[in-house]
């Protein structure tokens, strides 16, 4: 086992991981629900940064319906975030020697 090659490979994976994390952190993801009645934006860190609720979505007799729309929009944005994270994170090489 060549320890120098193994160390170089580990350093390359670490650099790829750091680059992918930076790319993800600088990204924003937008999800919507109810035909864009509610739109949520999250950062790559998962922080909710914006929430738009159109007046038509507000029914005083259906607060639960509005809550469902908000949850759906945030979940949609988070799903996009998770998909992007899976796509940009480097795959661990199969032969790290372990």
C-alpha atoms as a PDB file:
ATOM      1  CA  UNK A   1       0.000   0.000   0.000  1.00  0.00           C
ATOM      2  CA  UNK A   2       1.489   3.350  -1.078  1.00  0.00           C
ATOM      3  CA  UNK A   3       0.788   5.734   1.816  1.00  0.00           C
ATOM      4  CA  UNK A   4       1.750   8.819  -0.240  1.00  0.00           C
ATOM      5  CA  UNK A   5      -0.780   7.944  -2.926  1.00  0.00           C
ATOM      6  CA  UNK A   6      -3.421   7.244  -0.295  1.00  0.00           C
ATOM      7  CA  UNK A   7      -2.735  10.583   1.412  1.00  0.00           C
ATOM      8  CA  UNK A   8      -2.865  12.439  -1.914  1.00  0.00           C
ATOM      9  CA  UNK A   9      -6.167  10.770  -2.756  1.00  0.00           C
ATOM     10  CA  UNK A  10      -7.614  11.678   0.654  1.00  0.00           C
ATOM     11  CA  UNK A  11      -6.509  15.297   0.236  1.00  0.00           C
ATOM     12  CA  UNK A  12      -8.117  15.454  -3.217  1.00  0.00           C
ATOM     13  CA  UNK A  13     -11.396  14.123  -1.824  1.00  0.00           C
ATOM     14  CA  UNK A  14     -11.227  16.646   1.021  1.00  0.00           C
ATOM     15  CA  UNK A  15     -10.696  19.504  -1.460  1.00  0.00           C
ATOM     16  CA  UNK A  16     -13.631  18.307  -3.578  1.00  0.00           C
ATOM     17  CA  UNK A  17     -15.826  18.095  -0.494  1.00  0.00           C
ATOM     18  CA  UNK A  18     -14.908  21.615   0.617  1.00  0.00           C
ATOM     19  CA  UNK A  19     -15.583  22.974  -2.873  1.00  0.00           C
ATOM     20  CA  UNK A  20     -18.959  21.209  -3.004  1.00  0.00           C
ATOM     21  CA  UNK A  21     -19.900  22.544   0.435  1.00  0.00           C
ATOM     22  CA  UNK A  22     -19.030  26.105  -0.618  1.00  0.00           C
ATOM     23  CA  UNK A  23     -21.040  25.757  -3.822  1.00  0.00           C
ATOM     24  CA  UNK A  24     -24.014  24.463  -1.884  1.00  0.00           C
ATOM     25  CA  UNK A  25     -23.772  27.187   0.790  1.00  0.00           C
ATOM     26  CA  UNK A  26     -23.856  29.875  -1.908  1.00  0.00           C
ATOM     27  CA  UNK A  27     -26.978  28.449  -3.543  1.00  0.00           C
ATOM     28  CA  UNK A  28     -30.637  29.307  -2.979  1.00  0.00           C
ATOM     29  CA  UNK A  29     -33.608  27.049  -3.593  1.00  0.00           C
ATOM     30  CA  UNK A  30     -37.201  28.078  -4.139  1.00  0.00           C
ATOM     31  CA  UNK A  31     -40.246  25.928  -3.592  1.00  0.00           C
ATOM     32  CA  UNK A  32     -43.902  26.746  -4.011  1.00  0.00           C
ATOM     33  CA  UNK A  33     -47.319  25.369  -3.233  1.00  0.00           C
ATOM     34  CA  UNK A  34     -50.905  26.017  -4.211  1.00  0.00           C
ATOM     35  CA  UNK A  35     -50.068  27.227  -7.691  1.00  0.00           C
ATOM     36  CA  UNK A  36     -47.510  29.718  -6.326  1.00  0.00           C
ATOM     37  CA  UNK A  37     -49.841  31.028  -3.620  1.00  0.00           C
ATOM     38  CA  UNK A  38     -46.981  30.368  -1.195  1.00  0.00           C
ATOM     39  CA  UNK A  39     -43.313  30.584  -2.217  1.00  0.00           C
ATOM     40  CA  UNK A  40     -40.419  29.716   0.101  1.00  0.00           C
ATOM     41  CA  UNK A  41     -36.707  30.289  -0.430  1.00  0.00           C
ATOM     42  CA  UNK A  42     -33.980  28.493   1.518  1.00  0.00           C
ATOM     43  CA  UNK A  43     -30.206  28.873   1.481  1.00  0.00           C
ATOM     44  CA  UNK A  44     -27.896  25.940   0.943  1.00  0.00           C
ATOM     45  CA  UNK A  45     -27.413  25.896   4.713  1.00  0.00           C
ATOM     46  CA  UNK A  46     -31.126  25.138   5.105  1.00  0.00           C
ATOM     47  CA  UNK A  47     -31.979  28.596   6.451  1.00  0.00           C
ATOM     48  CA  UNK A  48     -35.387  29.885   5.366  1.00  0.00           C
ATOM     49  CA  UNK A  49     -34.616  33.317   3.881  1.00  0.00           C
ATOM     50  CA  UNK A  50     -37.878  34.364   2.264  1.00  0.00           C
ATOM     51  CA  UNK A  51     -41.533  33.451   2.438  1.00  0.00           C
ATOM     52  CA  UNK A  52     -44.153  34.979   0.160  1.00  0.00           C
ATOM     53  CA  UNK A  53     -47.830  34.437   0.901  1.00  0.00           C
ATOM     54  CA  UNK A  54     -50.221  35.878  -1.632  1.00  0.00           C
ATOM     55  CA  UNK A  55     -53.376  37.466  -0.191  1.00  0.00           C
ATOM     56  CA  UNK A  56     -55.555  34.913  -2.004  1.00  0.00           C
ATOM     57  CA  UNK A  57     -53.997  32.201   0.156  1.00  0.00           C
ATOM     58  CA  UNK A  58     -55.297  33.763   3.345  1.00  0.00           C
ATOM     59  CA  UNK A  59     -58.692  32.468   4.376  1.00  0.00           C
ATOM     60  CA  UNK A  60     -59.529  33.372   7.986  1.00  0.00           C
ATOM     61  CA  UNK A  61     -61.715  30.278   8.169  1.00  0.00           C
ATOM     62  CA  UNK A  62     -58.920  27.951   6.993  1.00  0.00           C
ATOM     63  CA  UNK A  63     -55.721  28.708   8.884  1.00  0.00           C
ATOM     64  CA  UNK A  64     -54.815  25.022   8.694  1.00  0.00           C
ATOM     65  CA  UNK A  65     -54.948  25.130   4.890  1.00  0.00           C
ATOM     66  CA  UNK A  66     -52.517  28.063   4.844  1.00  0.00           C
ATOM     67  CA  UNK A  67     -50.206  26.239   7.238  1.00  0.00           C
ATOM     68  CA  UNK A  68     -50.263  23.222   4.911  1.00  0.00           C
ATOM     69  CA  UNK A  69     -49.315  25.431   1.952  1.00  0.00           C
ATOM     70  CA  UNK A  70     -46.418  26.968   3.879  1.00  0.00           C
ATOM     71  CA  UNK A  71     -45.137  23.539   4.912  1.00  0.00           C
ATOM     72  CA  UNK A  72     -45.436  22.240   1.363  1.00  0.00           C
ATOM     73  CA  UNK A  73     -43.521  25.205  -0.069  1.00  0.00           C
ATOM     74  CA  UNK A  74     -40.715  24.875   2.494  1.00  0.00           C
ATOM     75  CA  UNK A  75     -40.528  21.112   1.939  1.00  0.00           C
ATOM     76  CA  UNK A  76     -40.345  21.676  -1.811  1.00  0.00           C
ATOM     77  CA  UNK A  77     -37.419  24.072  -1.414  1.00  0.00           C
ATOM     78  CA  UNK A  78     -35.677  21.690   0.993  1.00  0.00           C
ATOM     79  CA  UNK A  79     -36.155  18.786  -1.430  1.00  0.00           C
ATOM     80  CA  UNK A  80     -34.363  20.804  -4.104  1.00  0.00           C
ATOM     81  CA  UNK A  81     -31.594  21.564  -1.620  1.00  0.00           C
ATOM     82  CA  UNK A  82     -31.179  17.877  -0.772  1.00  0.00           C
ATOM     83  CA  UNK A  83     -31.121  16.882  -4.435  1.00  0.00           C
ATOM     84  CA  UNK A  84     -28.447  19.485  -5.166  1.00  0.00           C
ATOM     85  CA  UNK A  85     -26.418  18.355  -2.146  1.00  0.00           C
ATOM     86  CA  UNK A  86     -26.517  14.758  -3.361  1.00  0.00           C
ATOM     87  CA  UNK A  87     -25.465  15.856  -6.843  1.00  0.00           C
ATOM     88  CA  UNK A  88     -22.538  18.087  -5.868  1.00  0.00           C
ATOM     89  CA  UNK A  89     -21.044  16.089  -3.024  1.00  0.00           C
ATOM     90  CA  UNK A  90     -18.153  14.018  -4.319  1.00  0.00           C
ATOM     91  CA  UNK A  91     -18.504  10.282  -4.220  1.00  0.00           C
ATOM     92  CA  UNK A  92     -15.898   8.549  -2.125  1.00  0.00           C
ATOM     93  CA  UNK A  93     -13.499   6.659  -4.348  1.00  0.00           C
ATOM     94  CA  UNK A  94     -14.000   2.928  -4.067  1.00  0.00           C
ATOM     95  CA  UNK A  95     -10.393   2.138  -3.553  1.00  0.00           C
ATOM     96  CA  UNK A  96      -9.145   4.180  -0.661  1.00  0.00           C
ATOM     97  CA  UNK A  97      -7.237   1.125   0.406  1.00  0.00           C
ATOM     98  CA  UNK A  98      -9.460   0.161   3.325  1.00  0.00           C
END
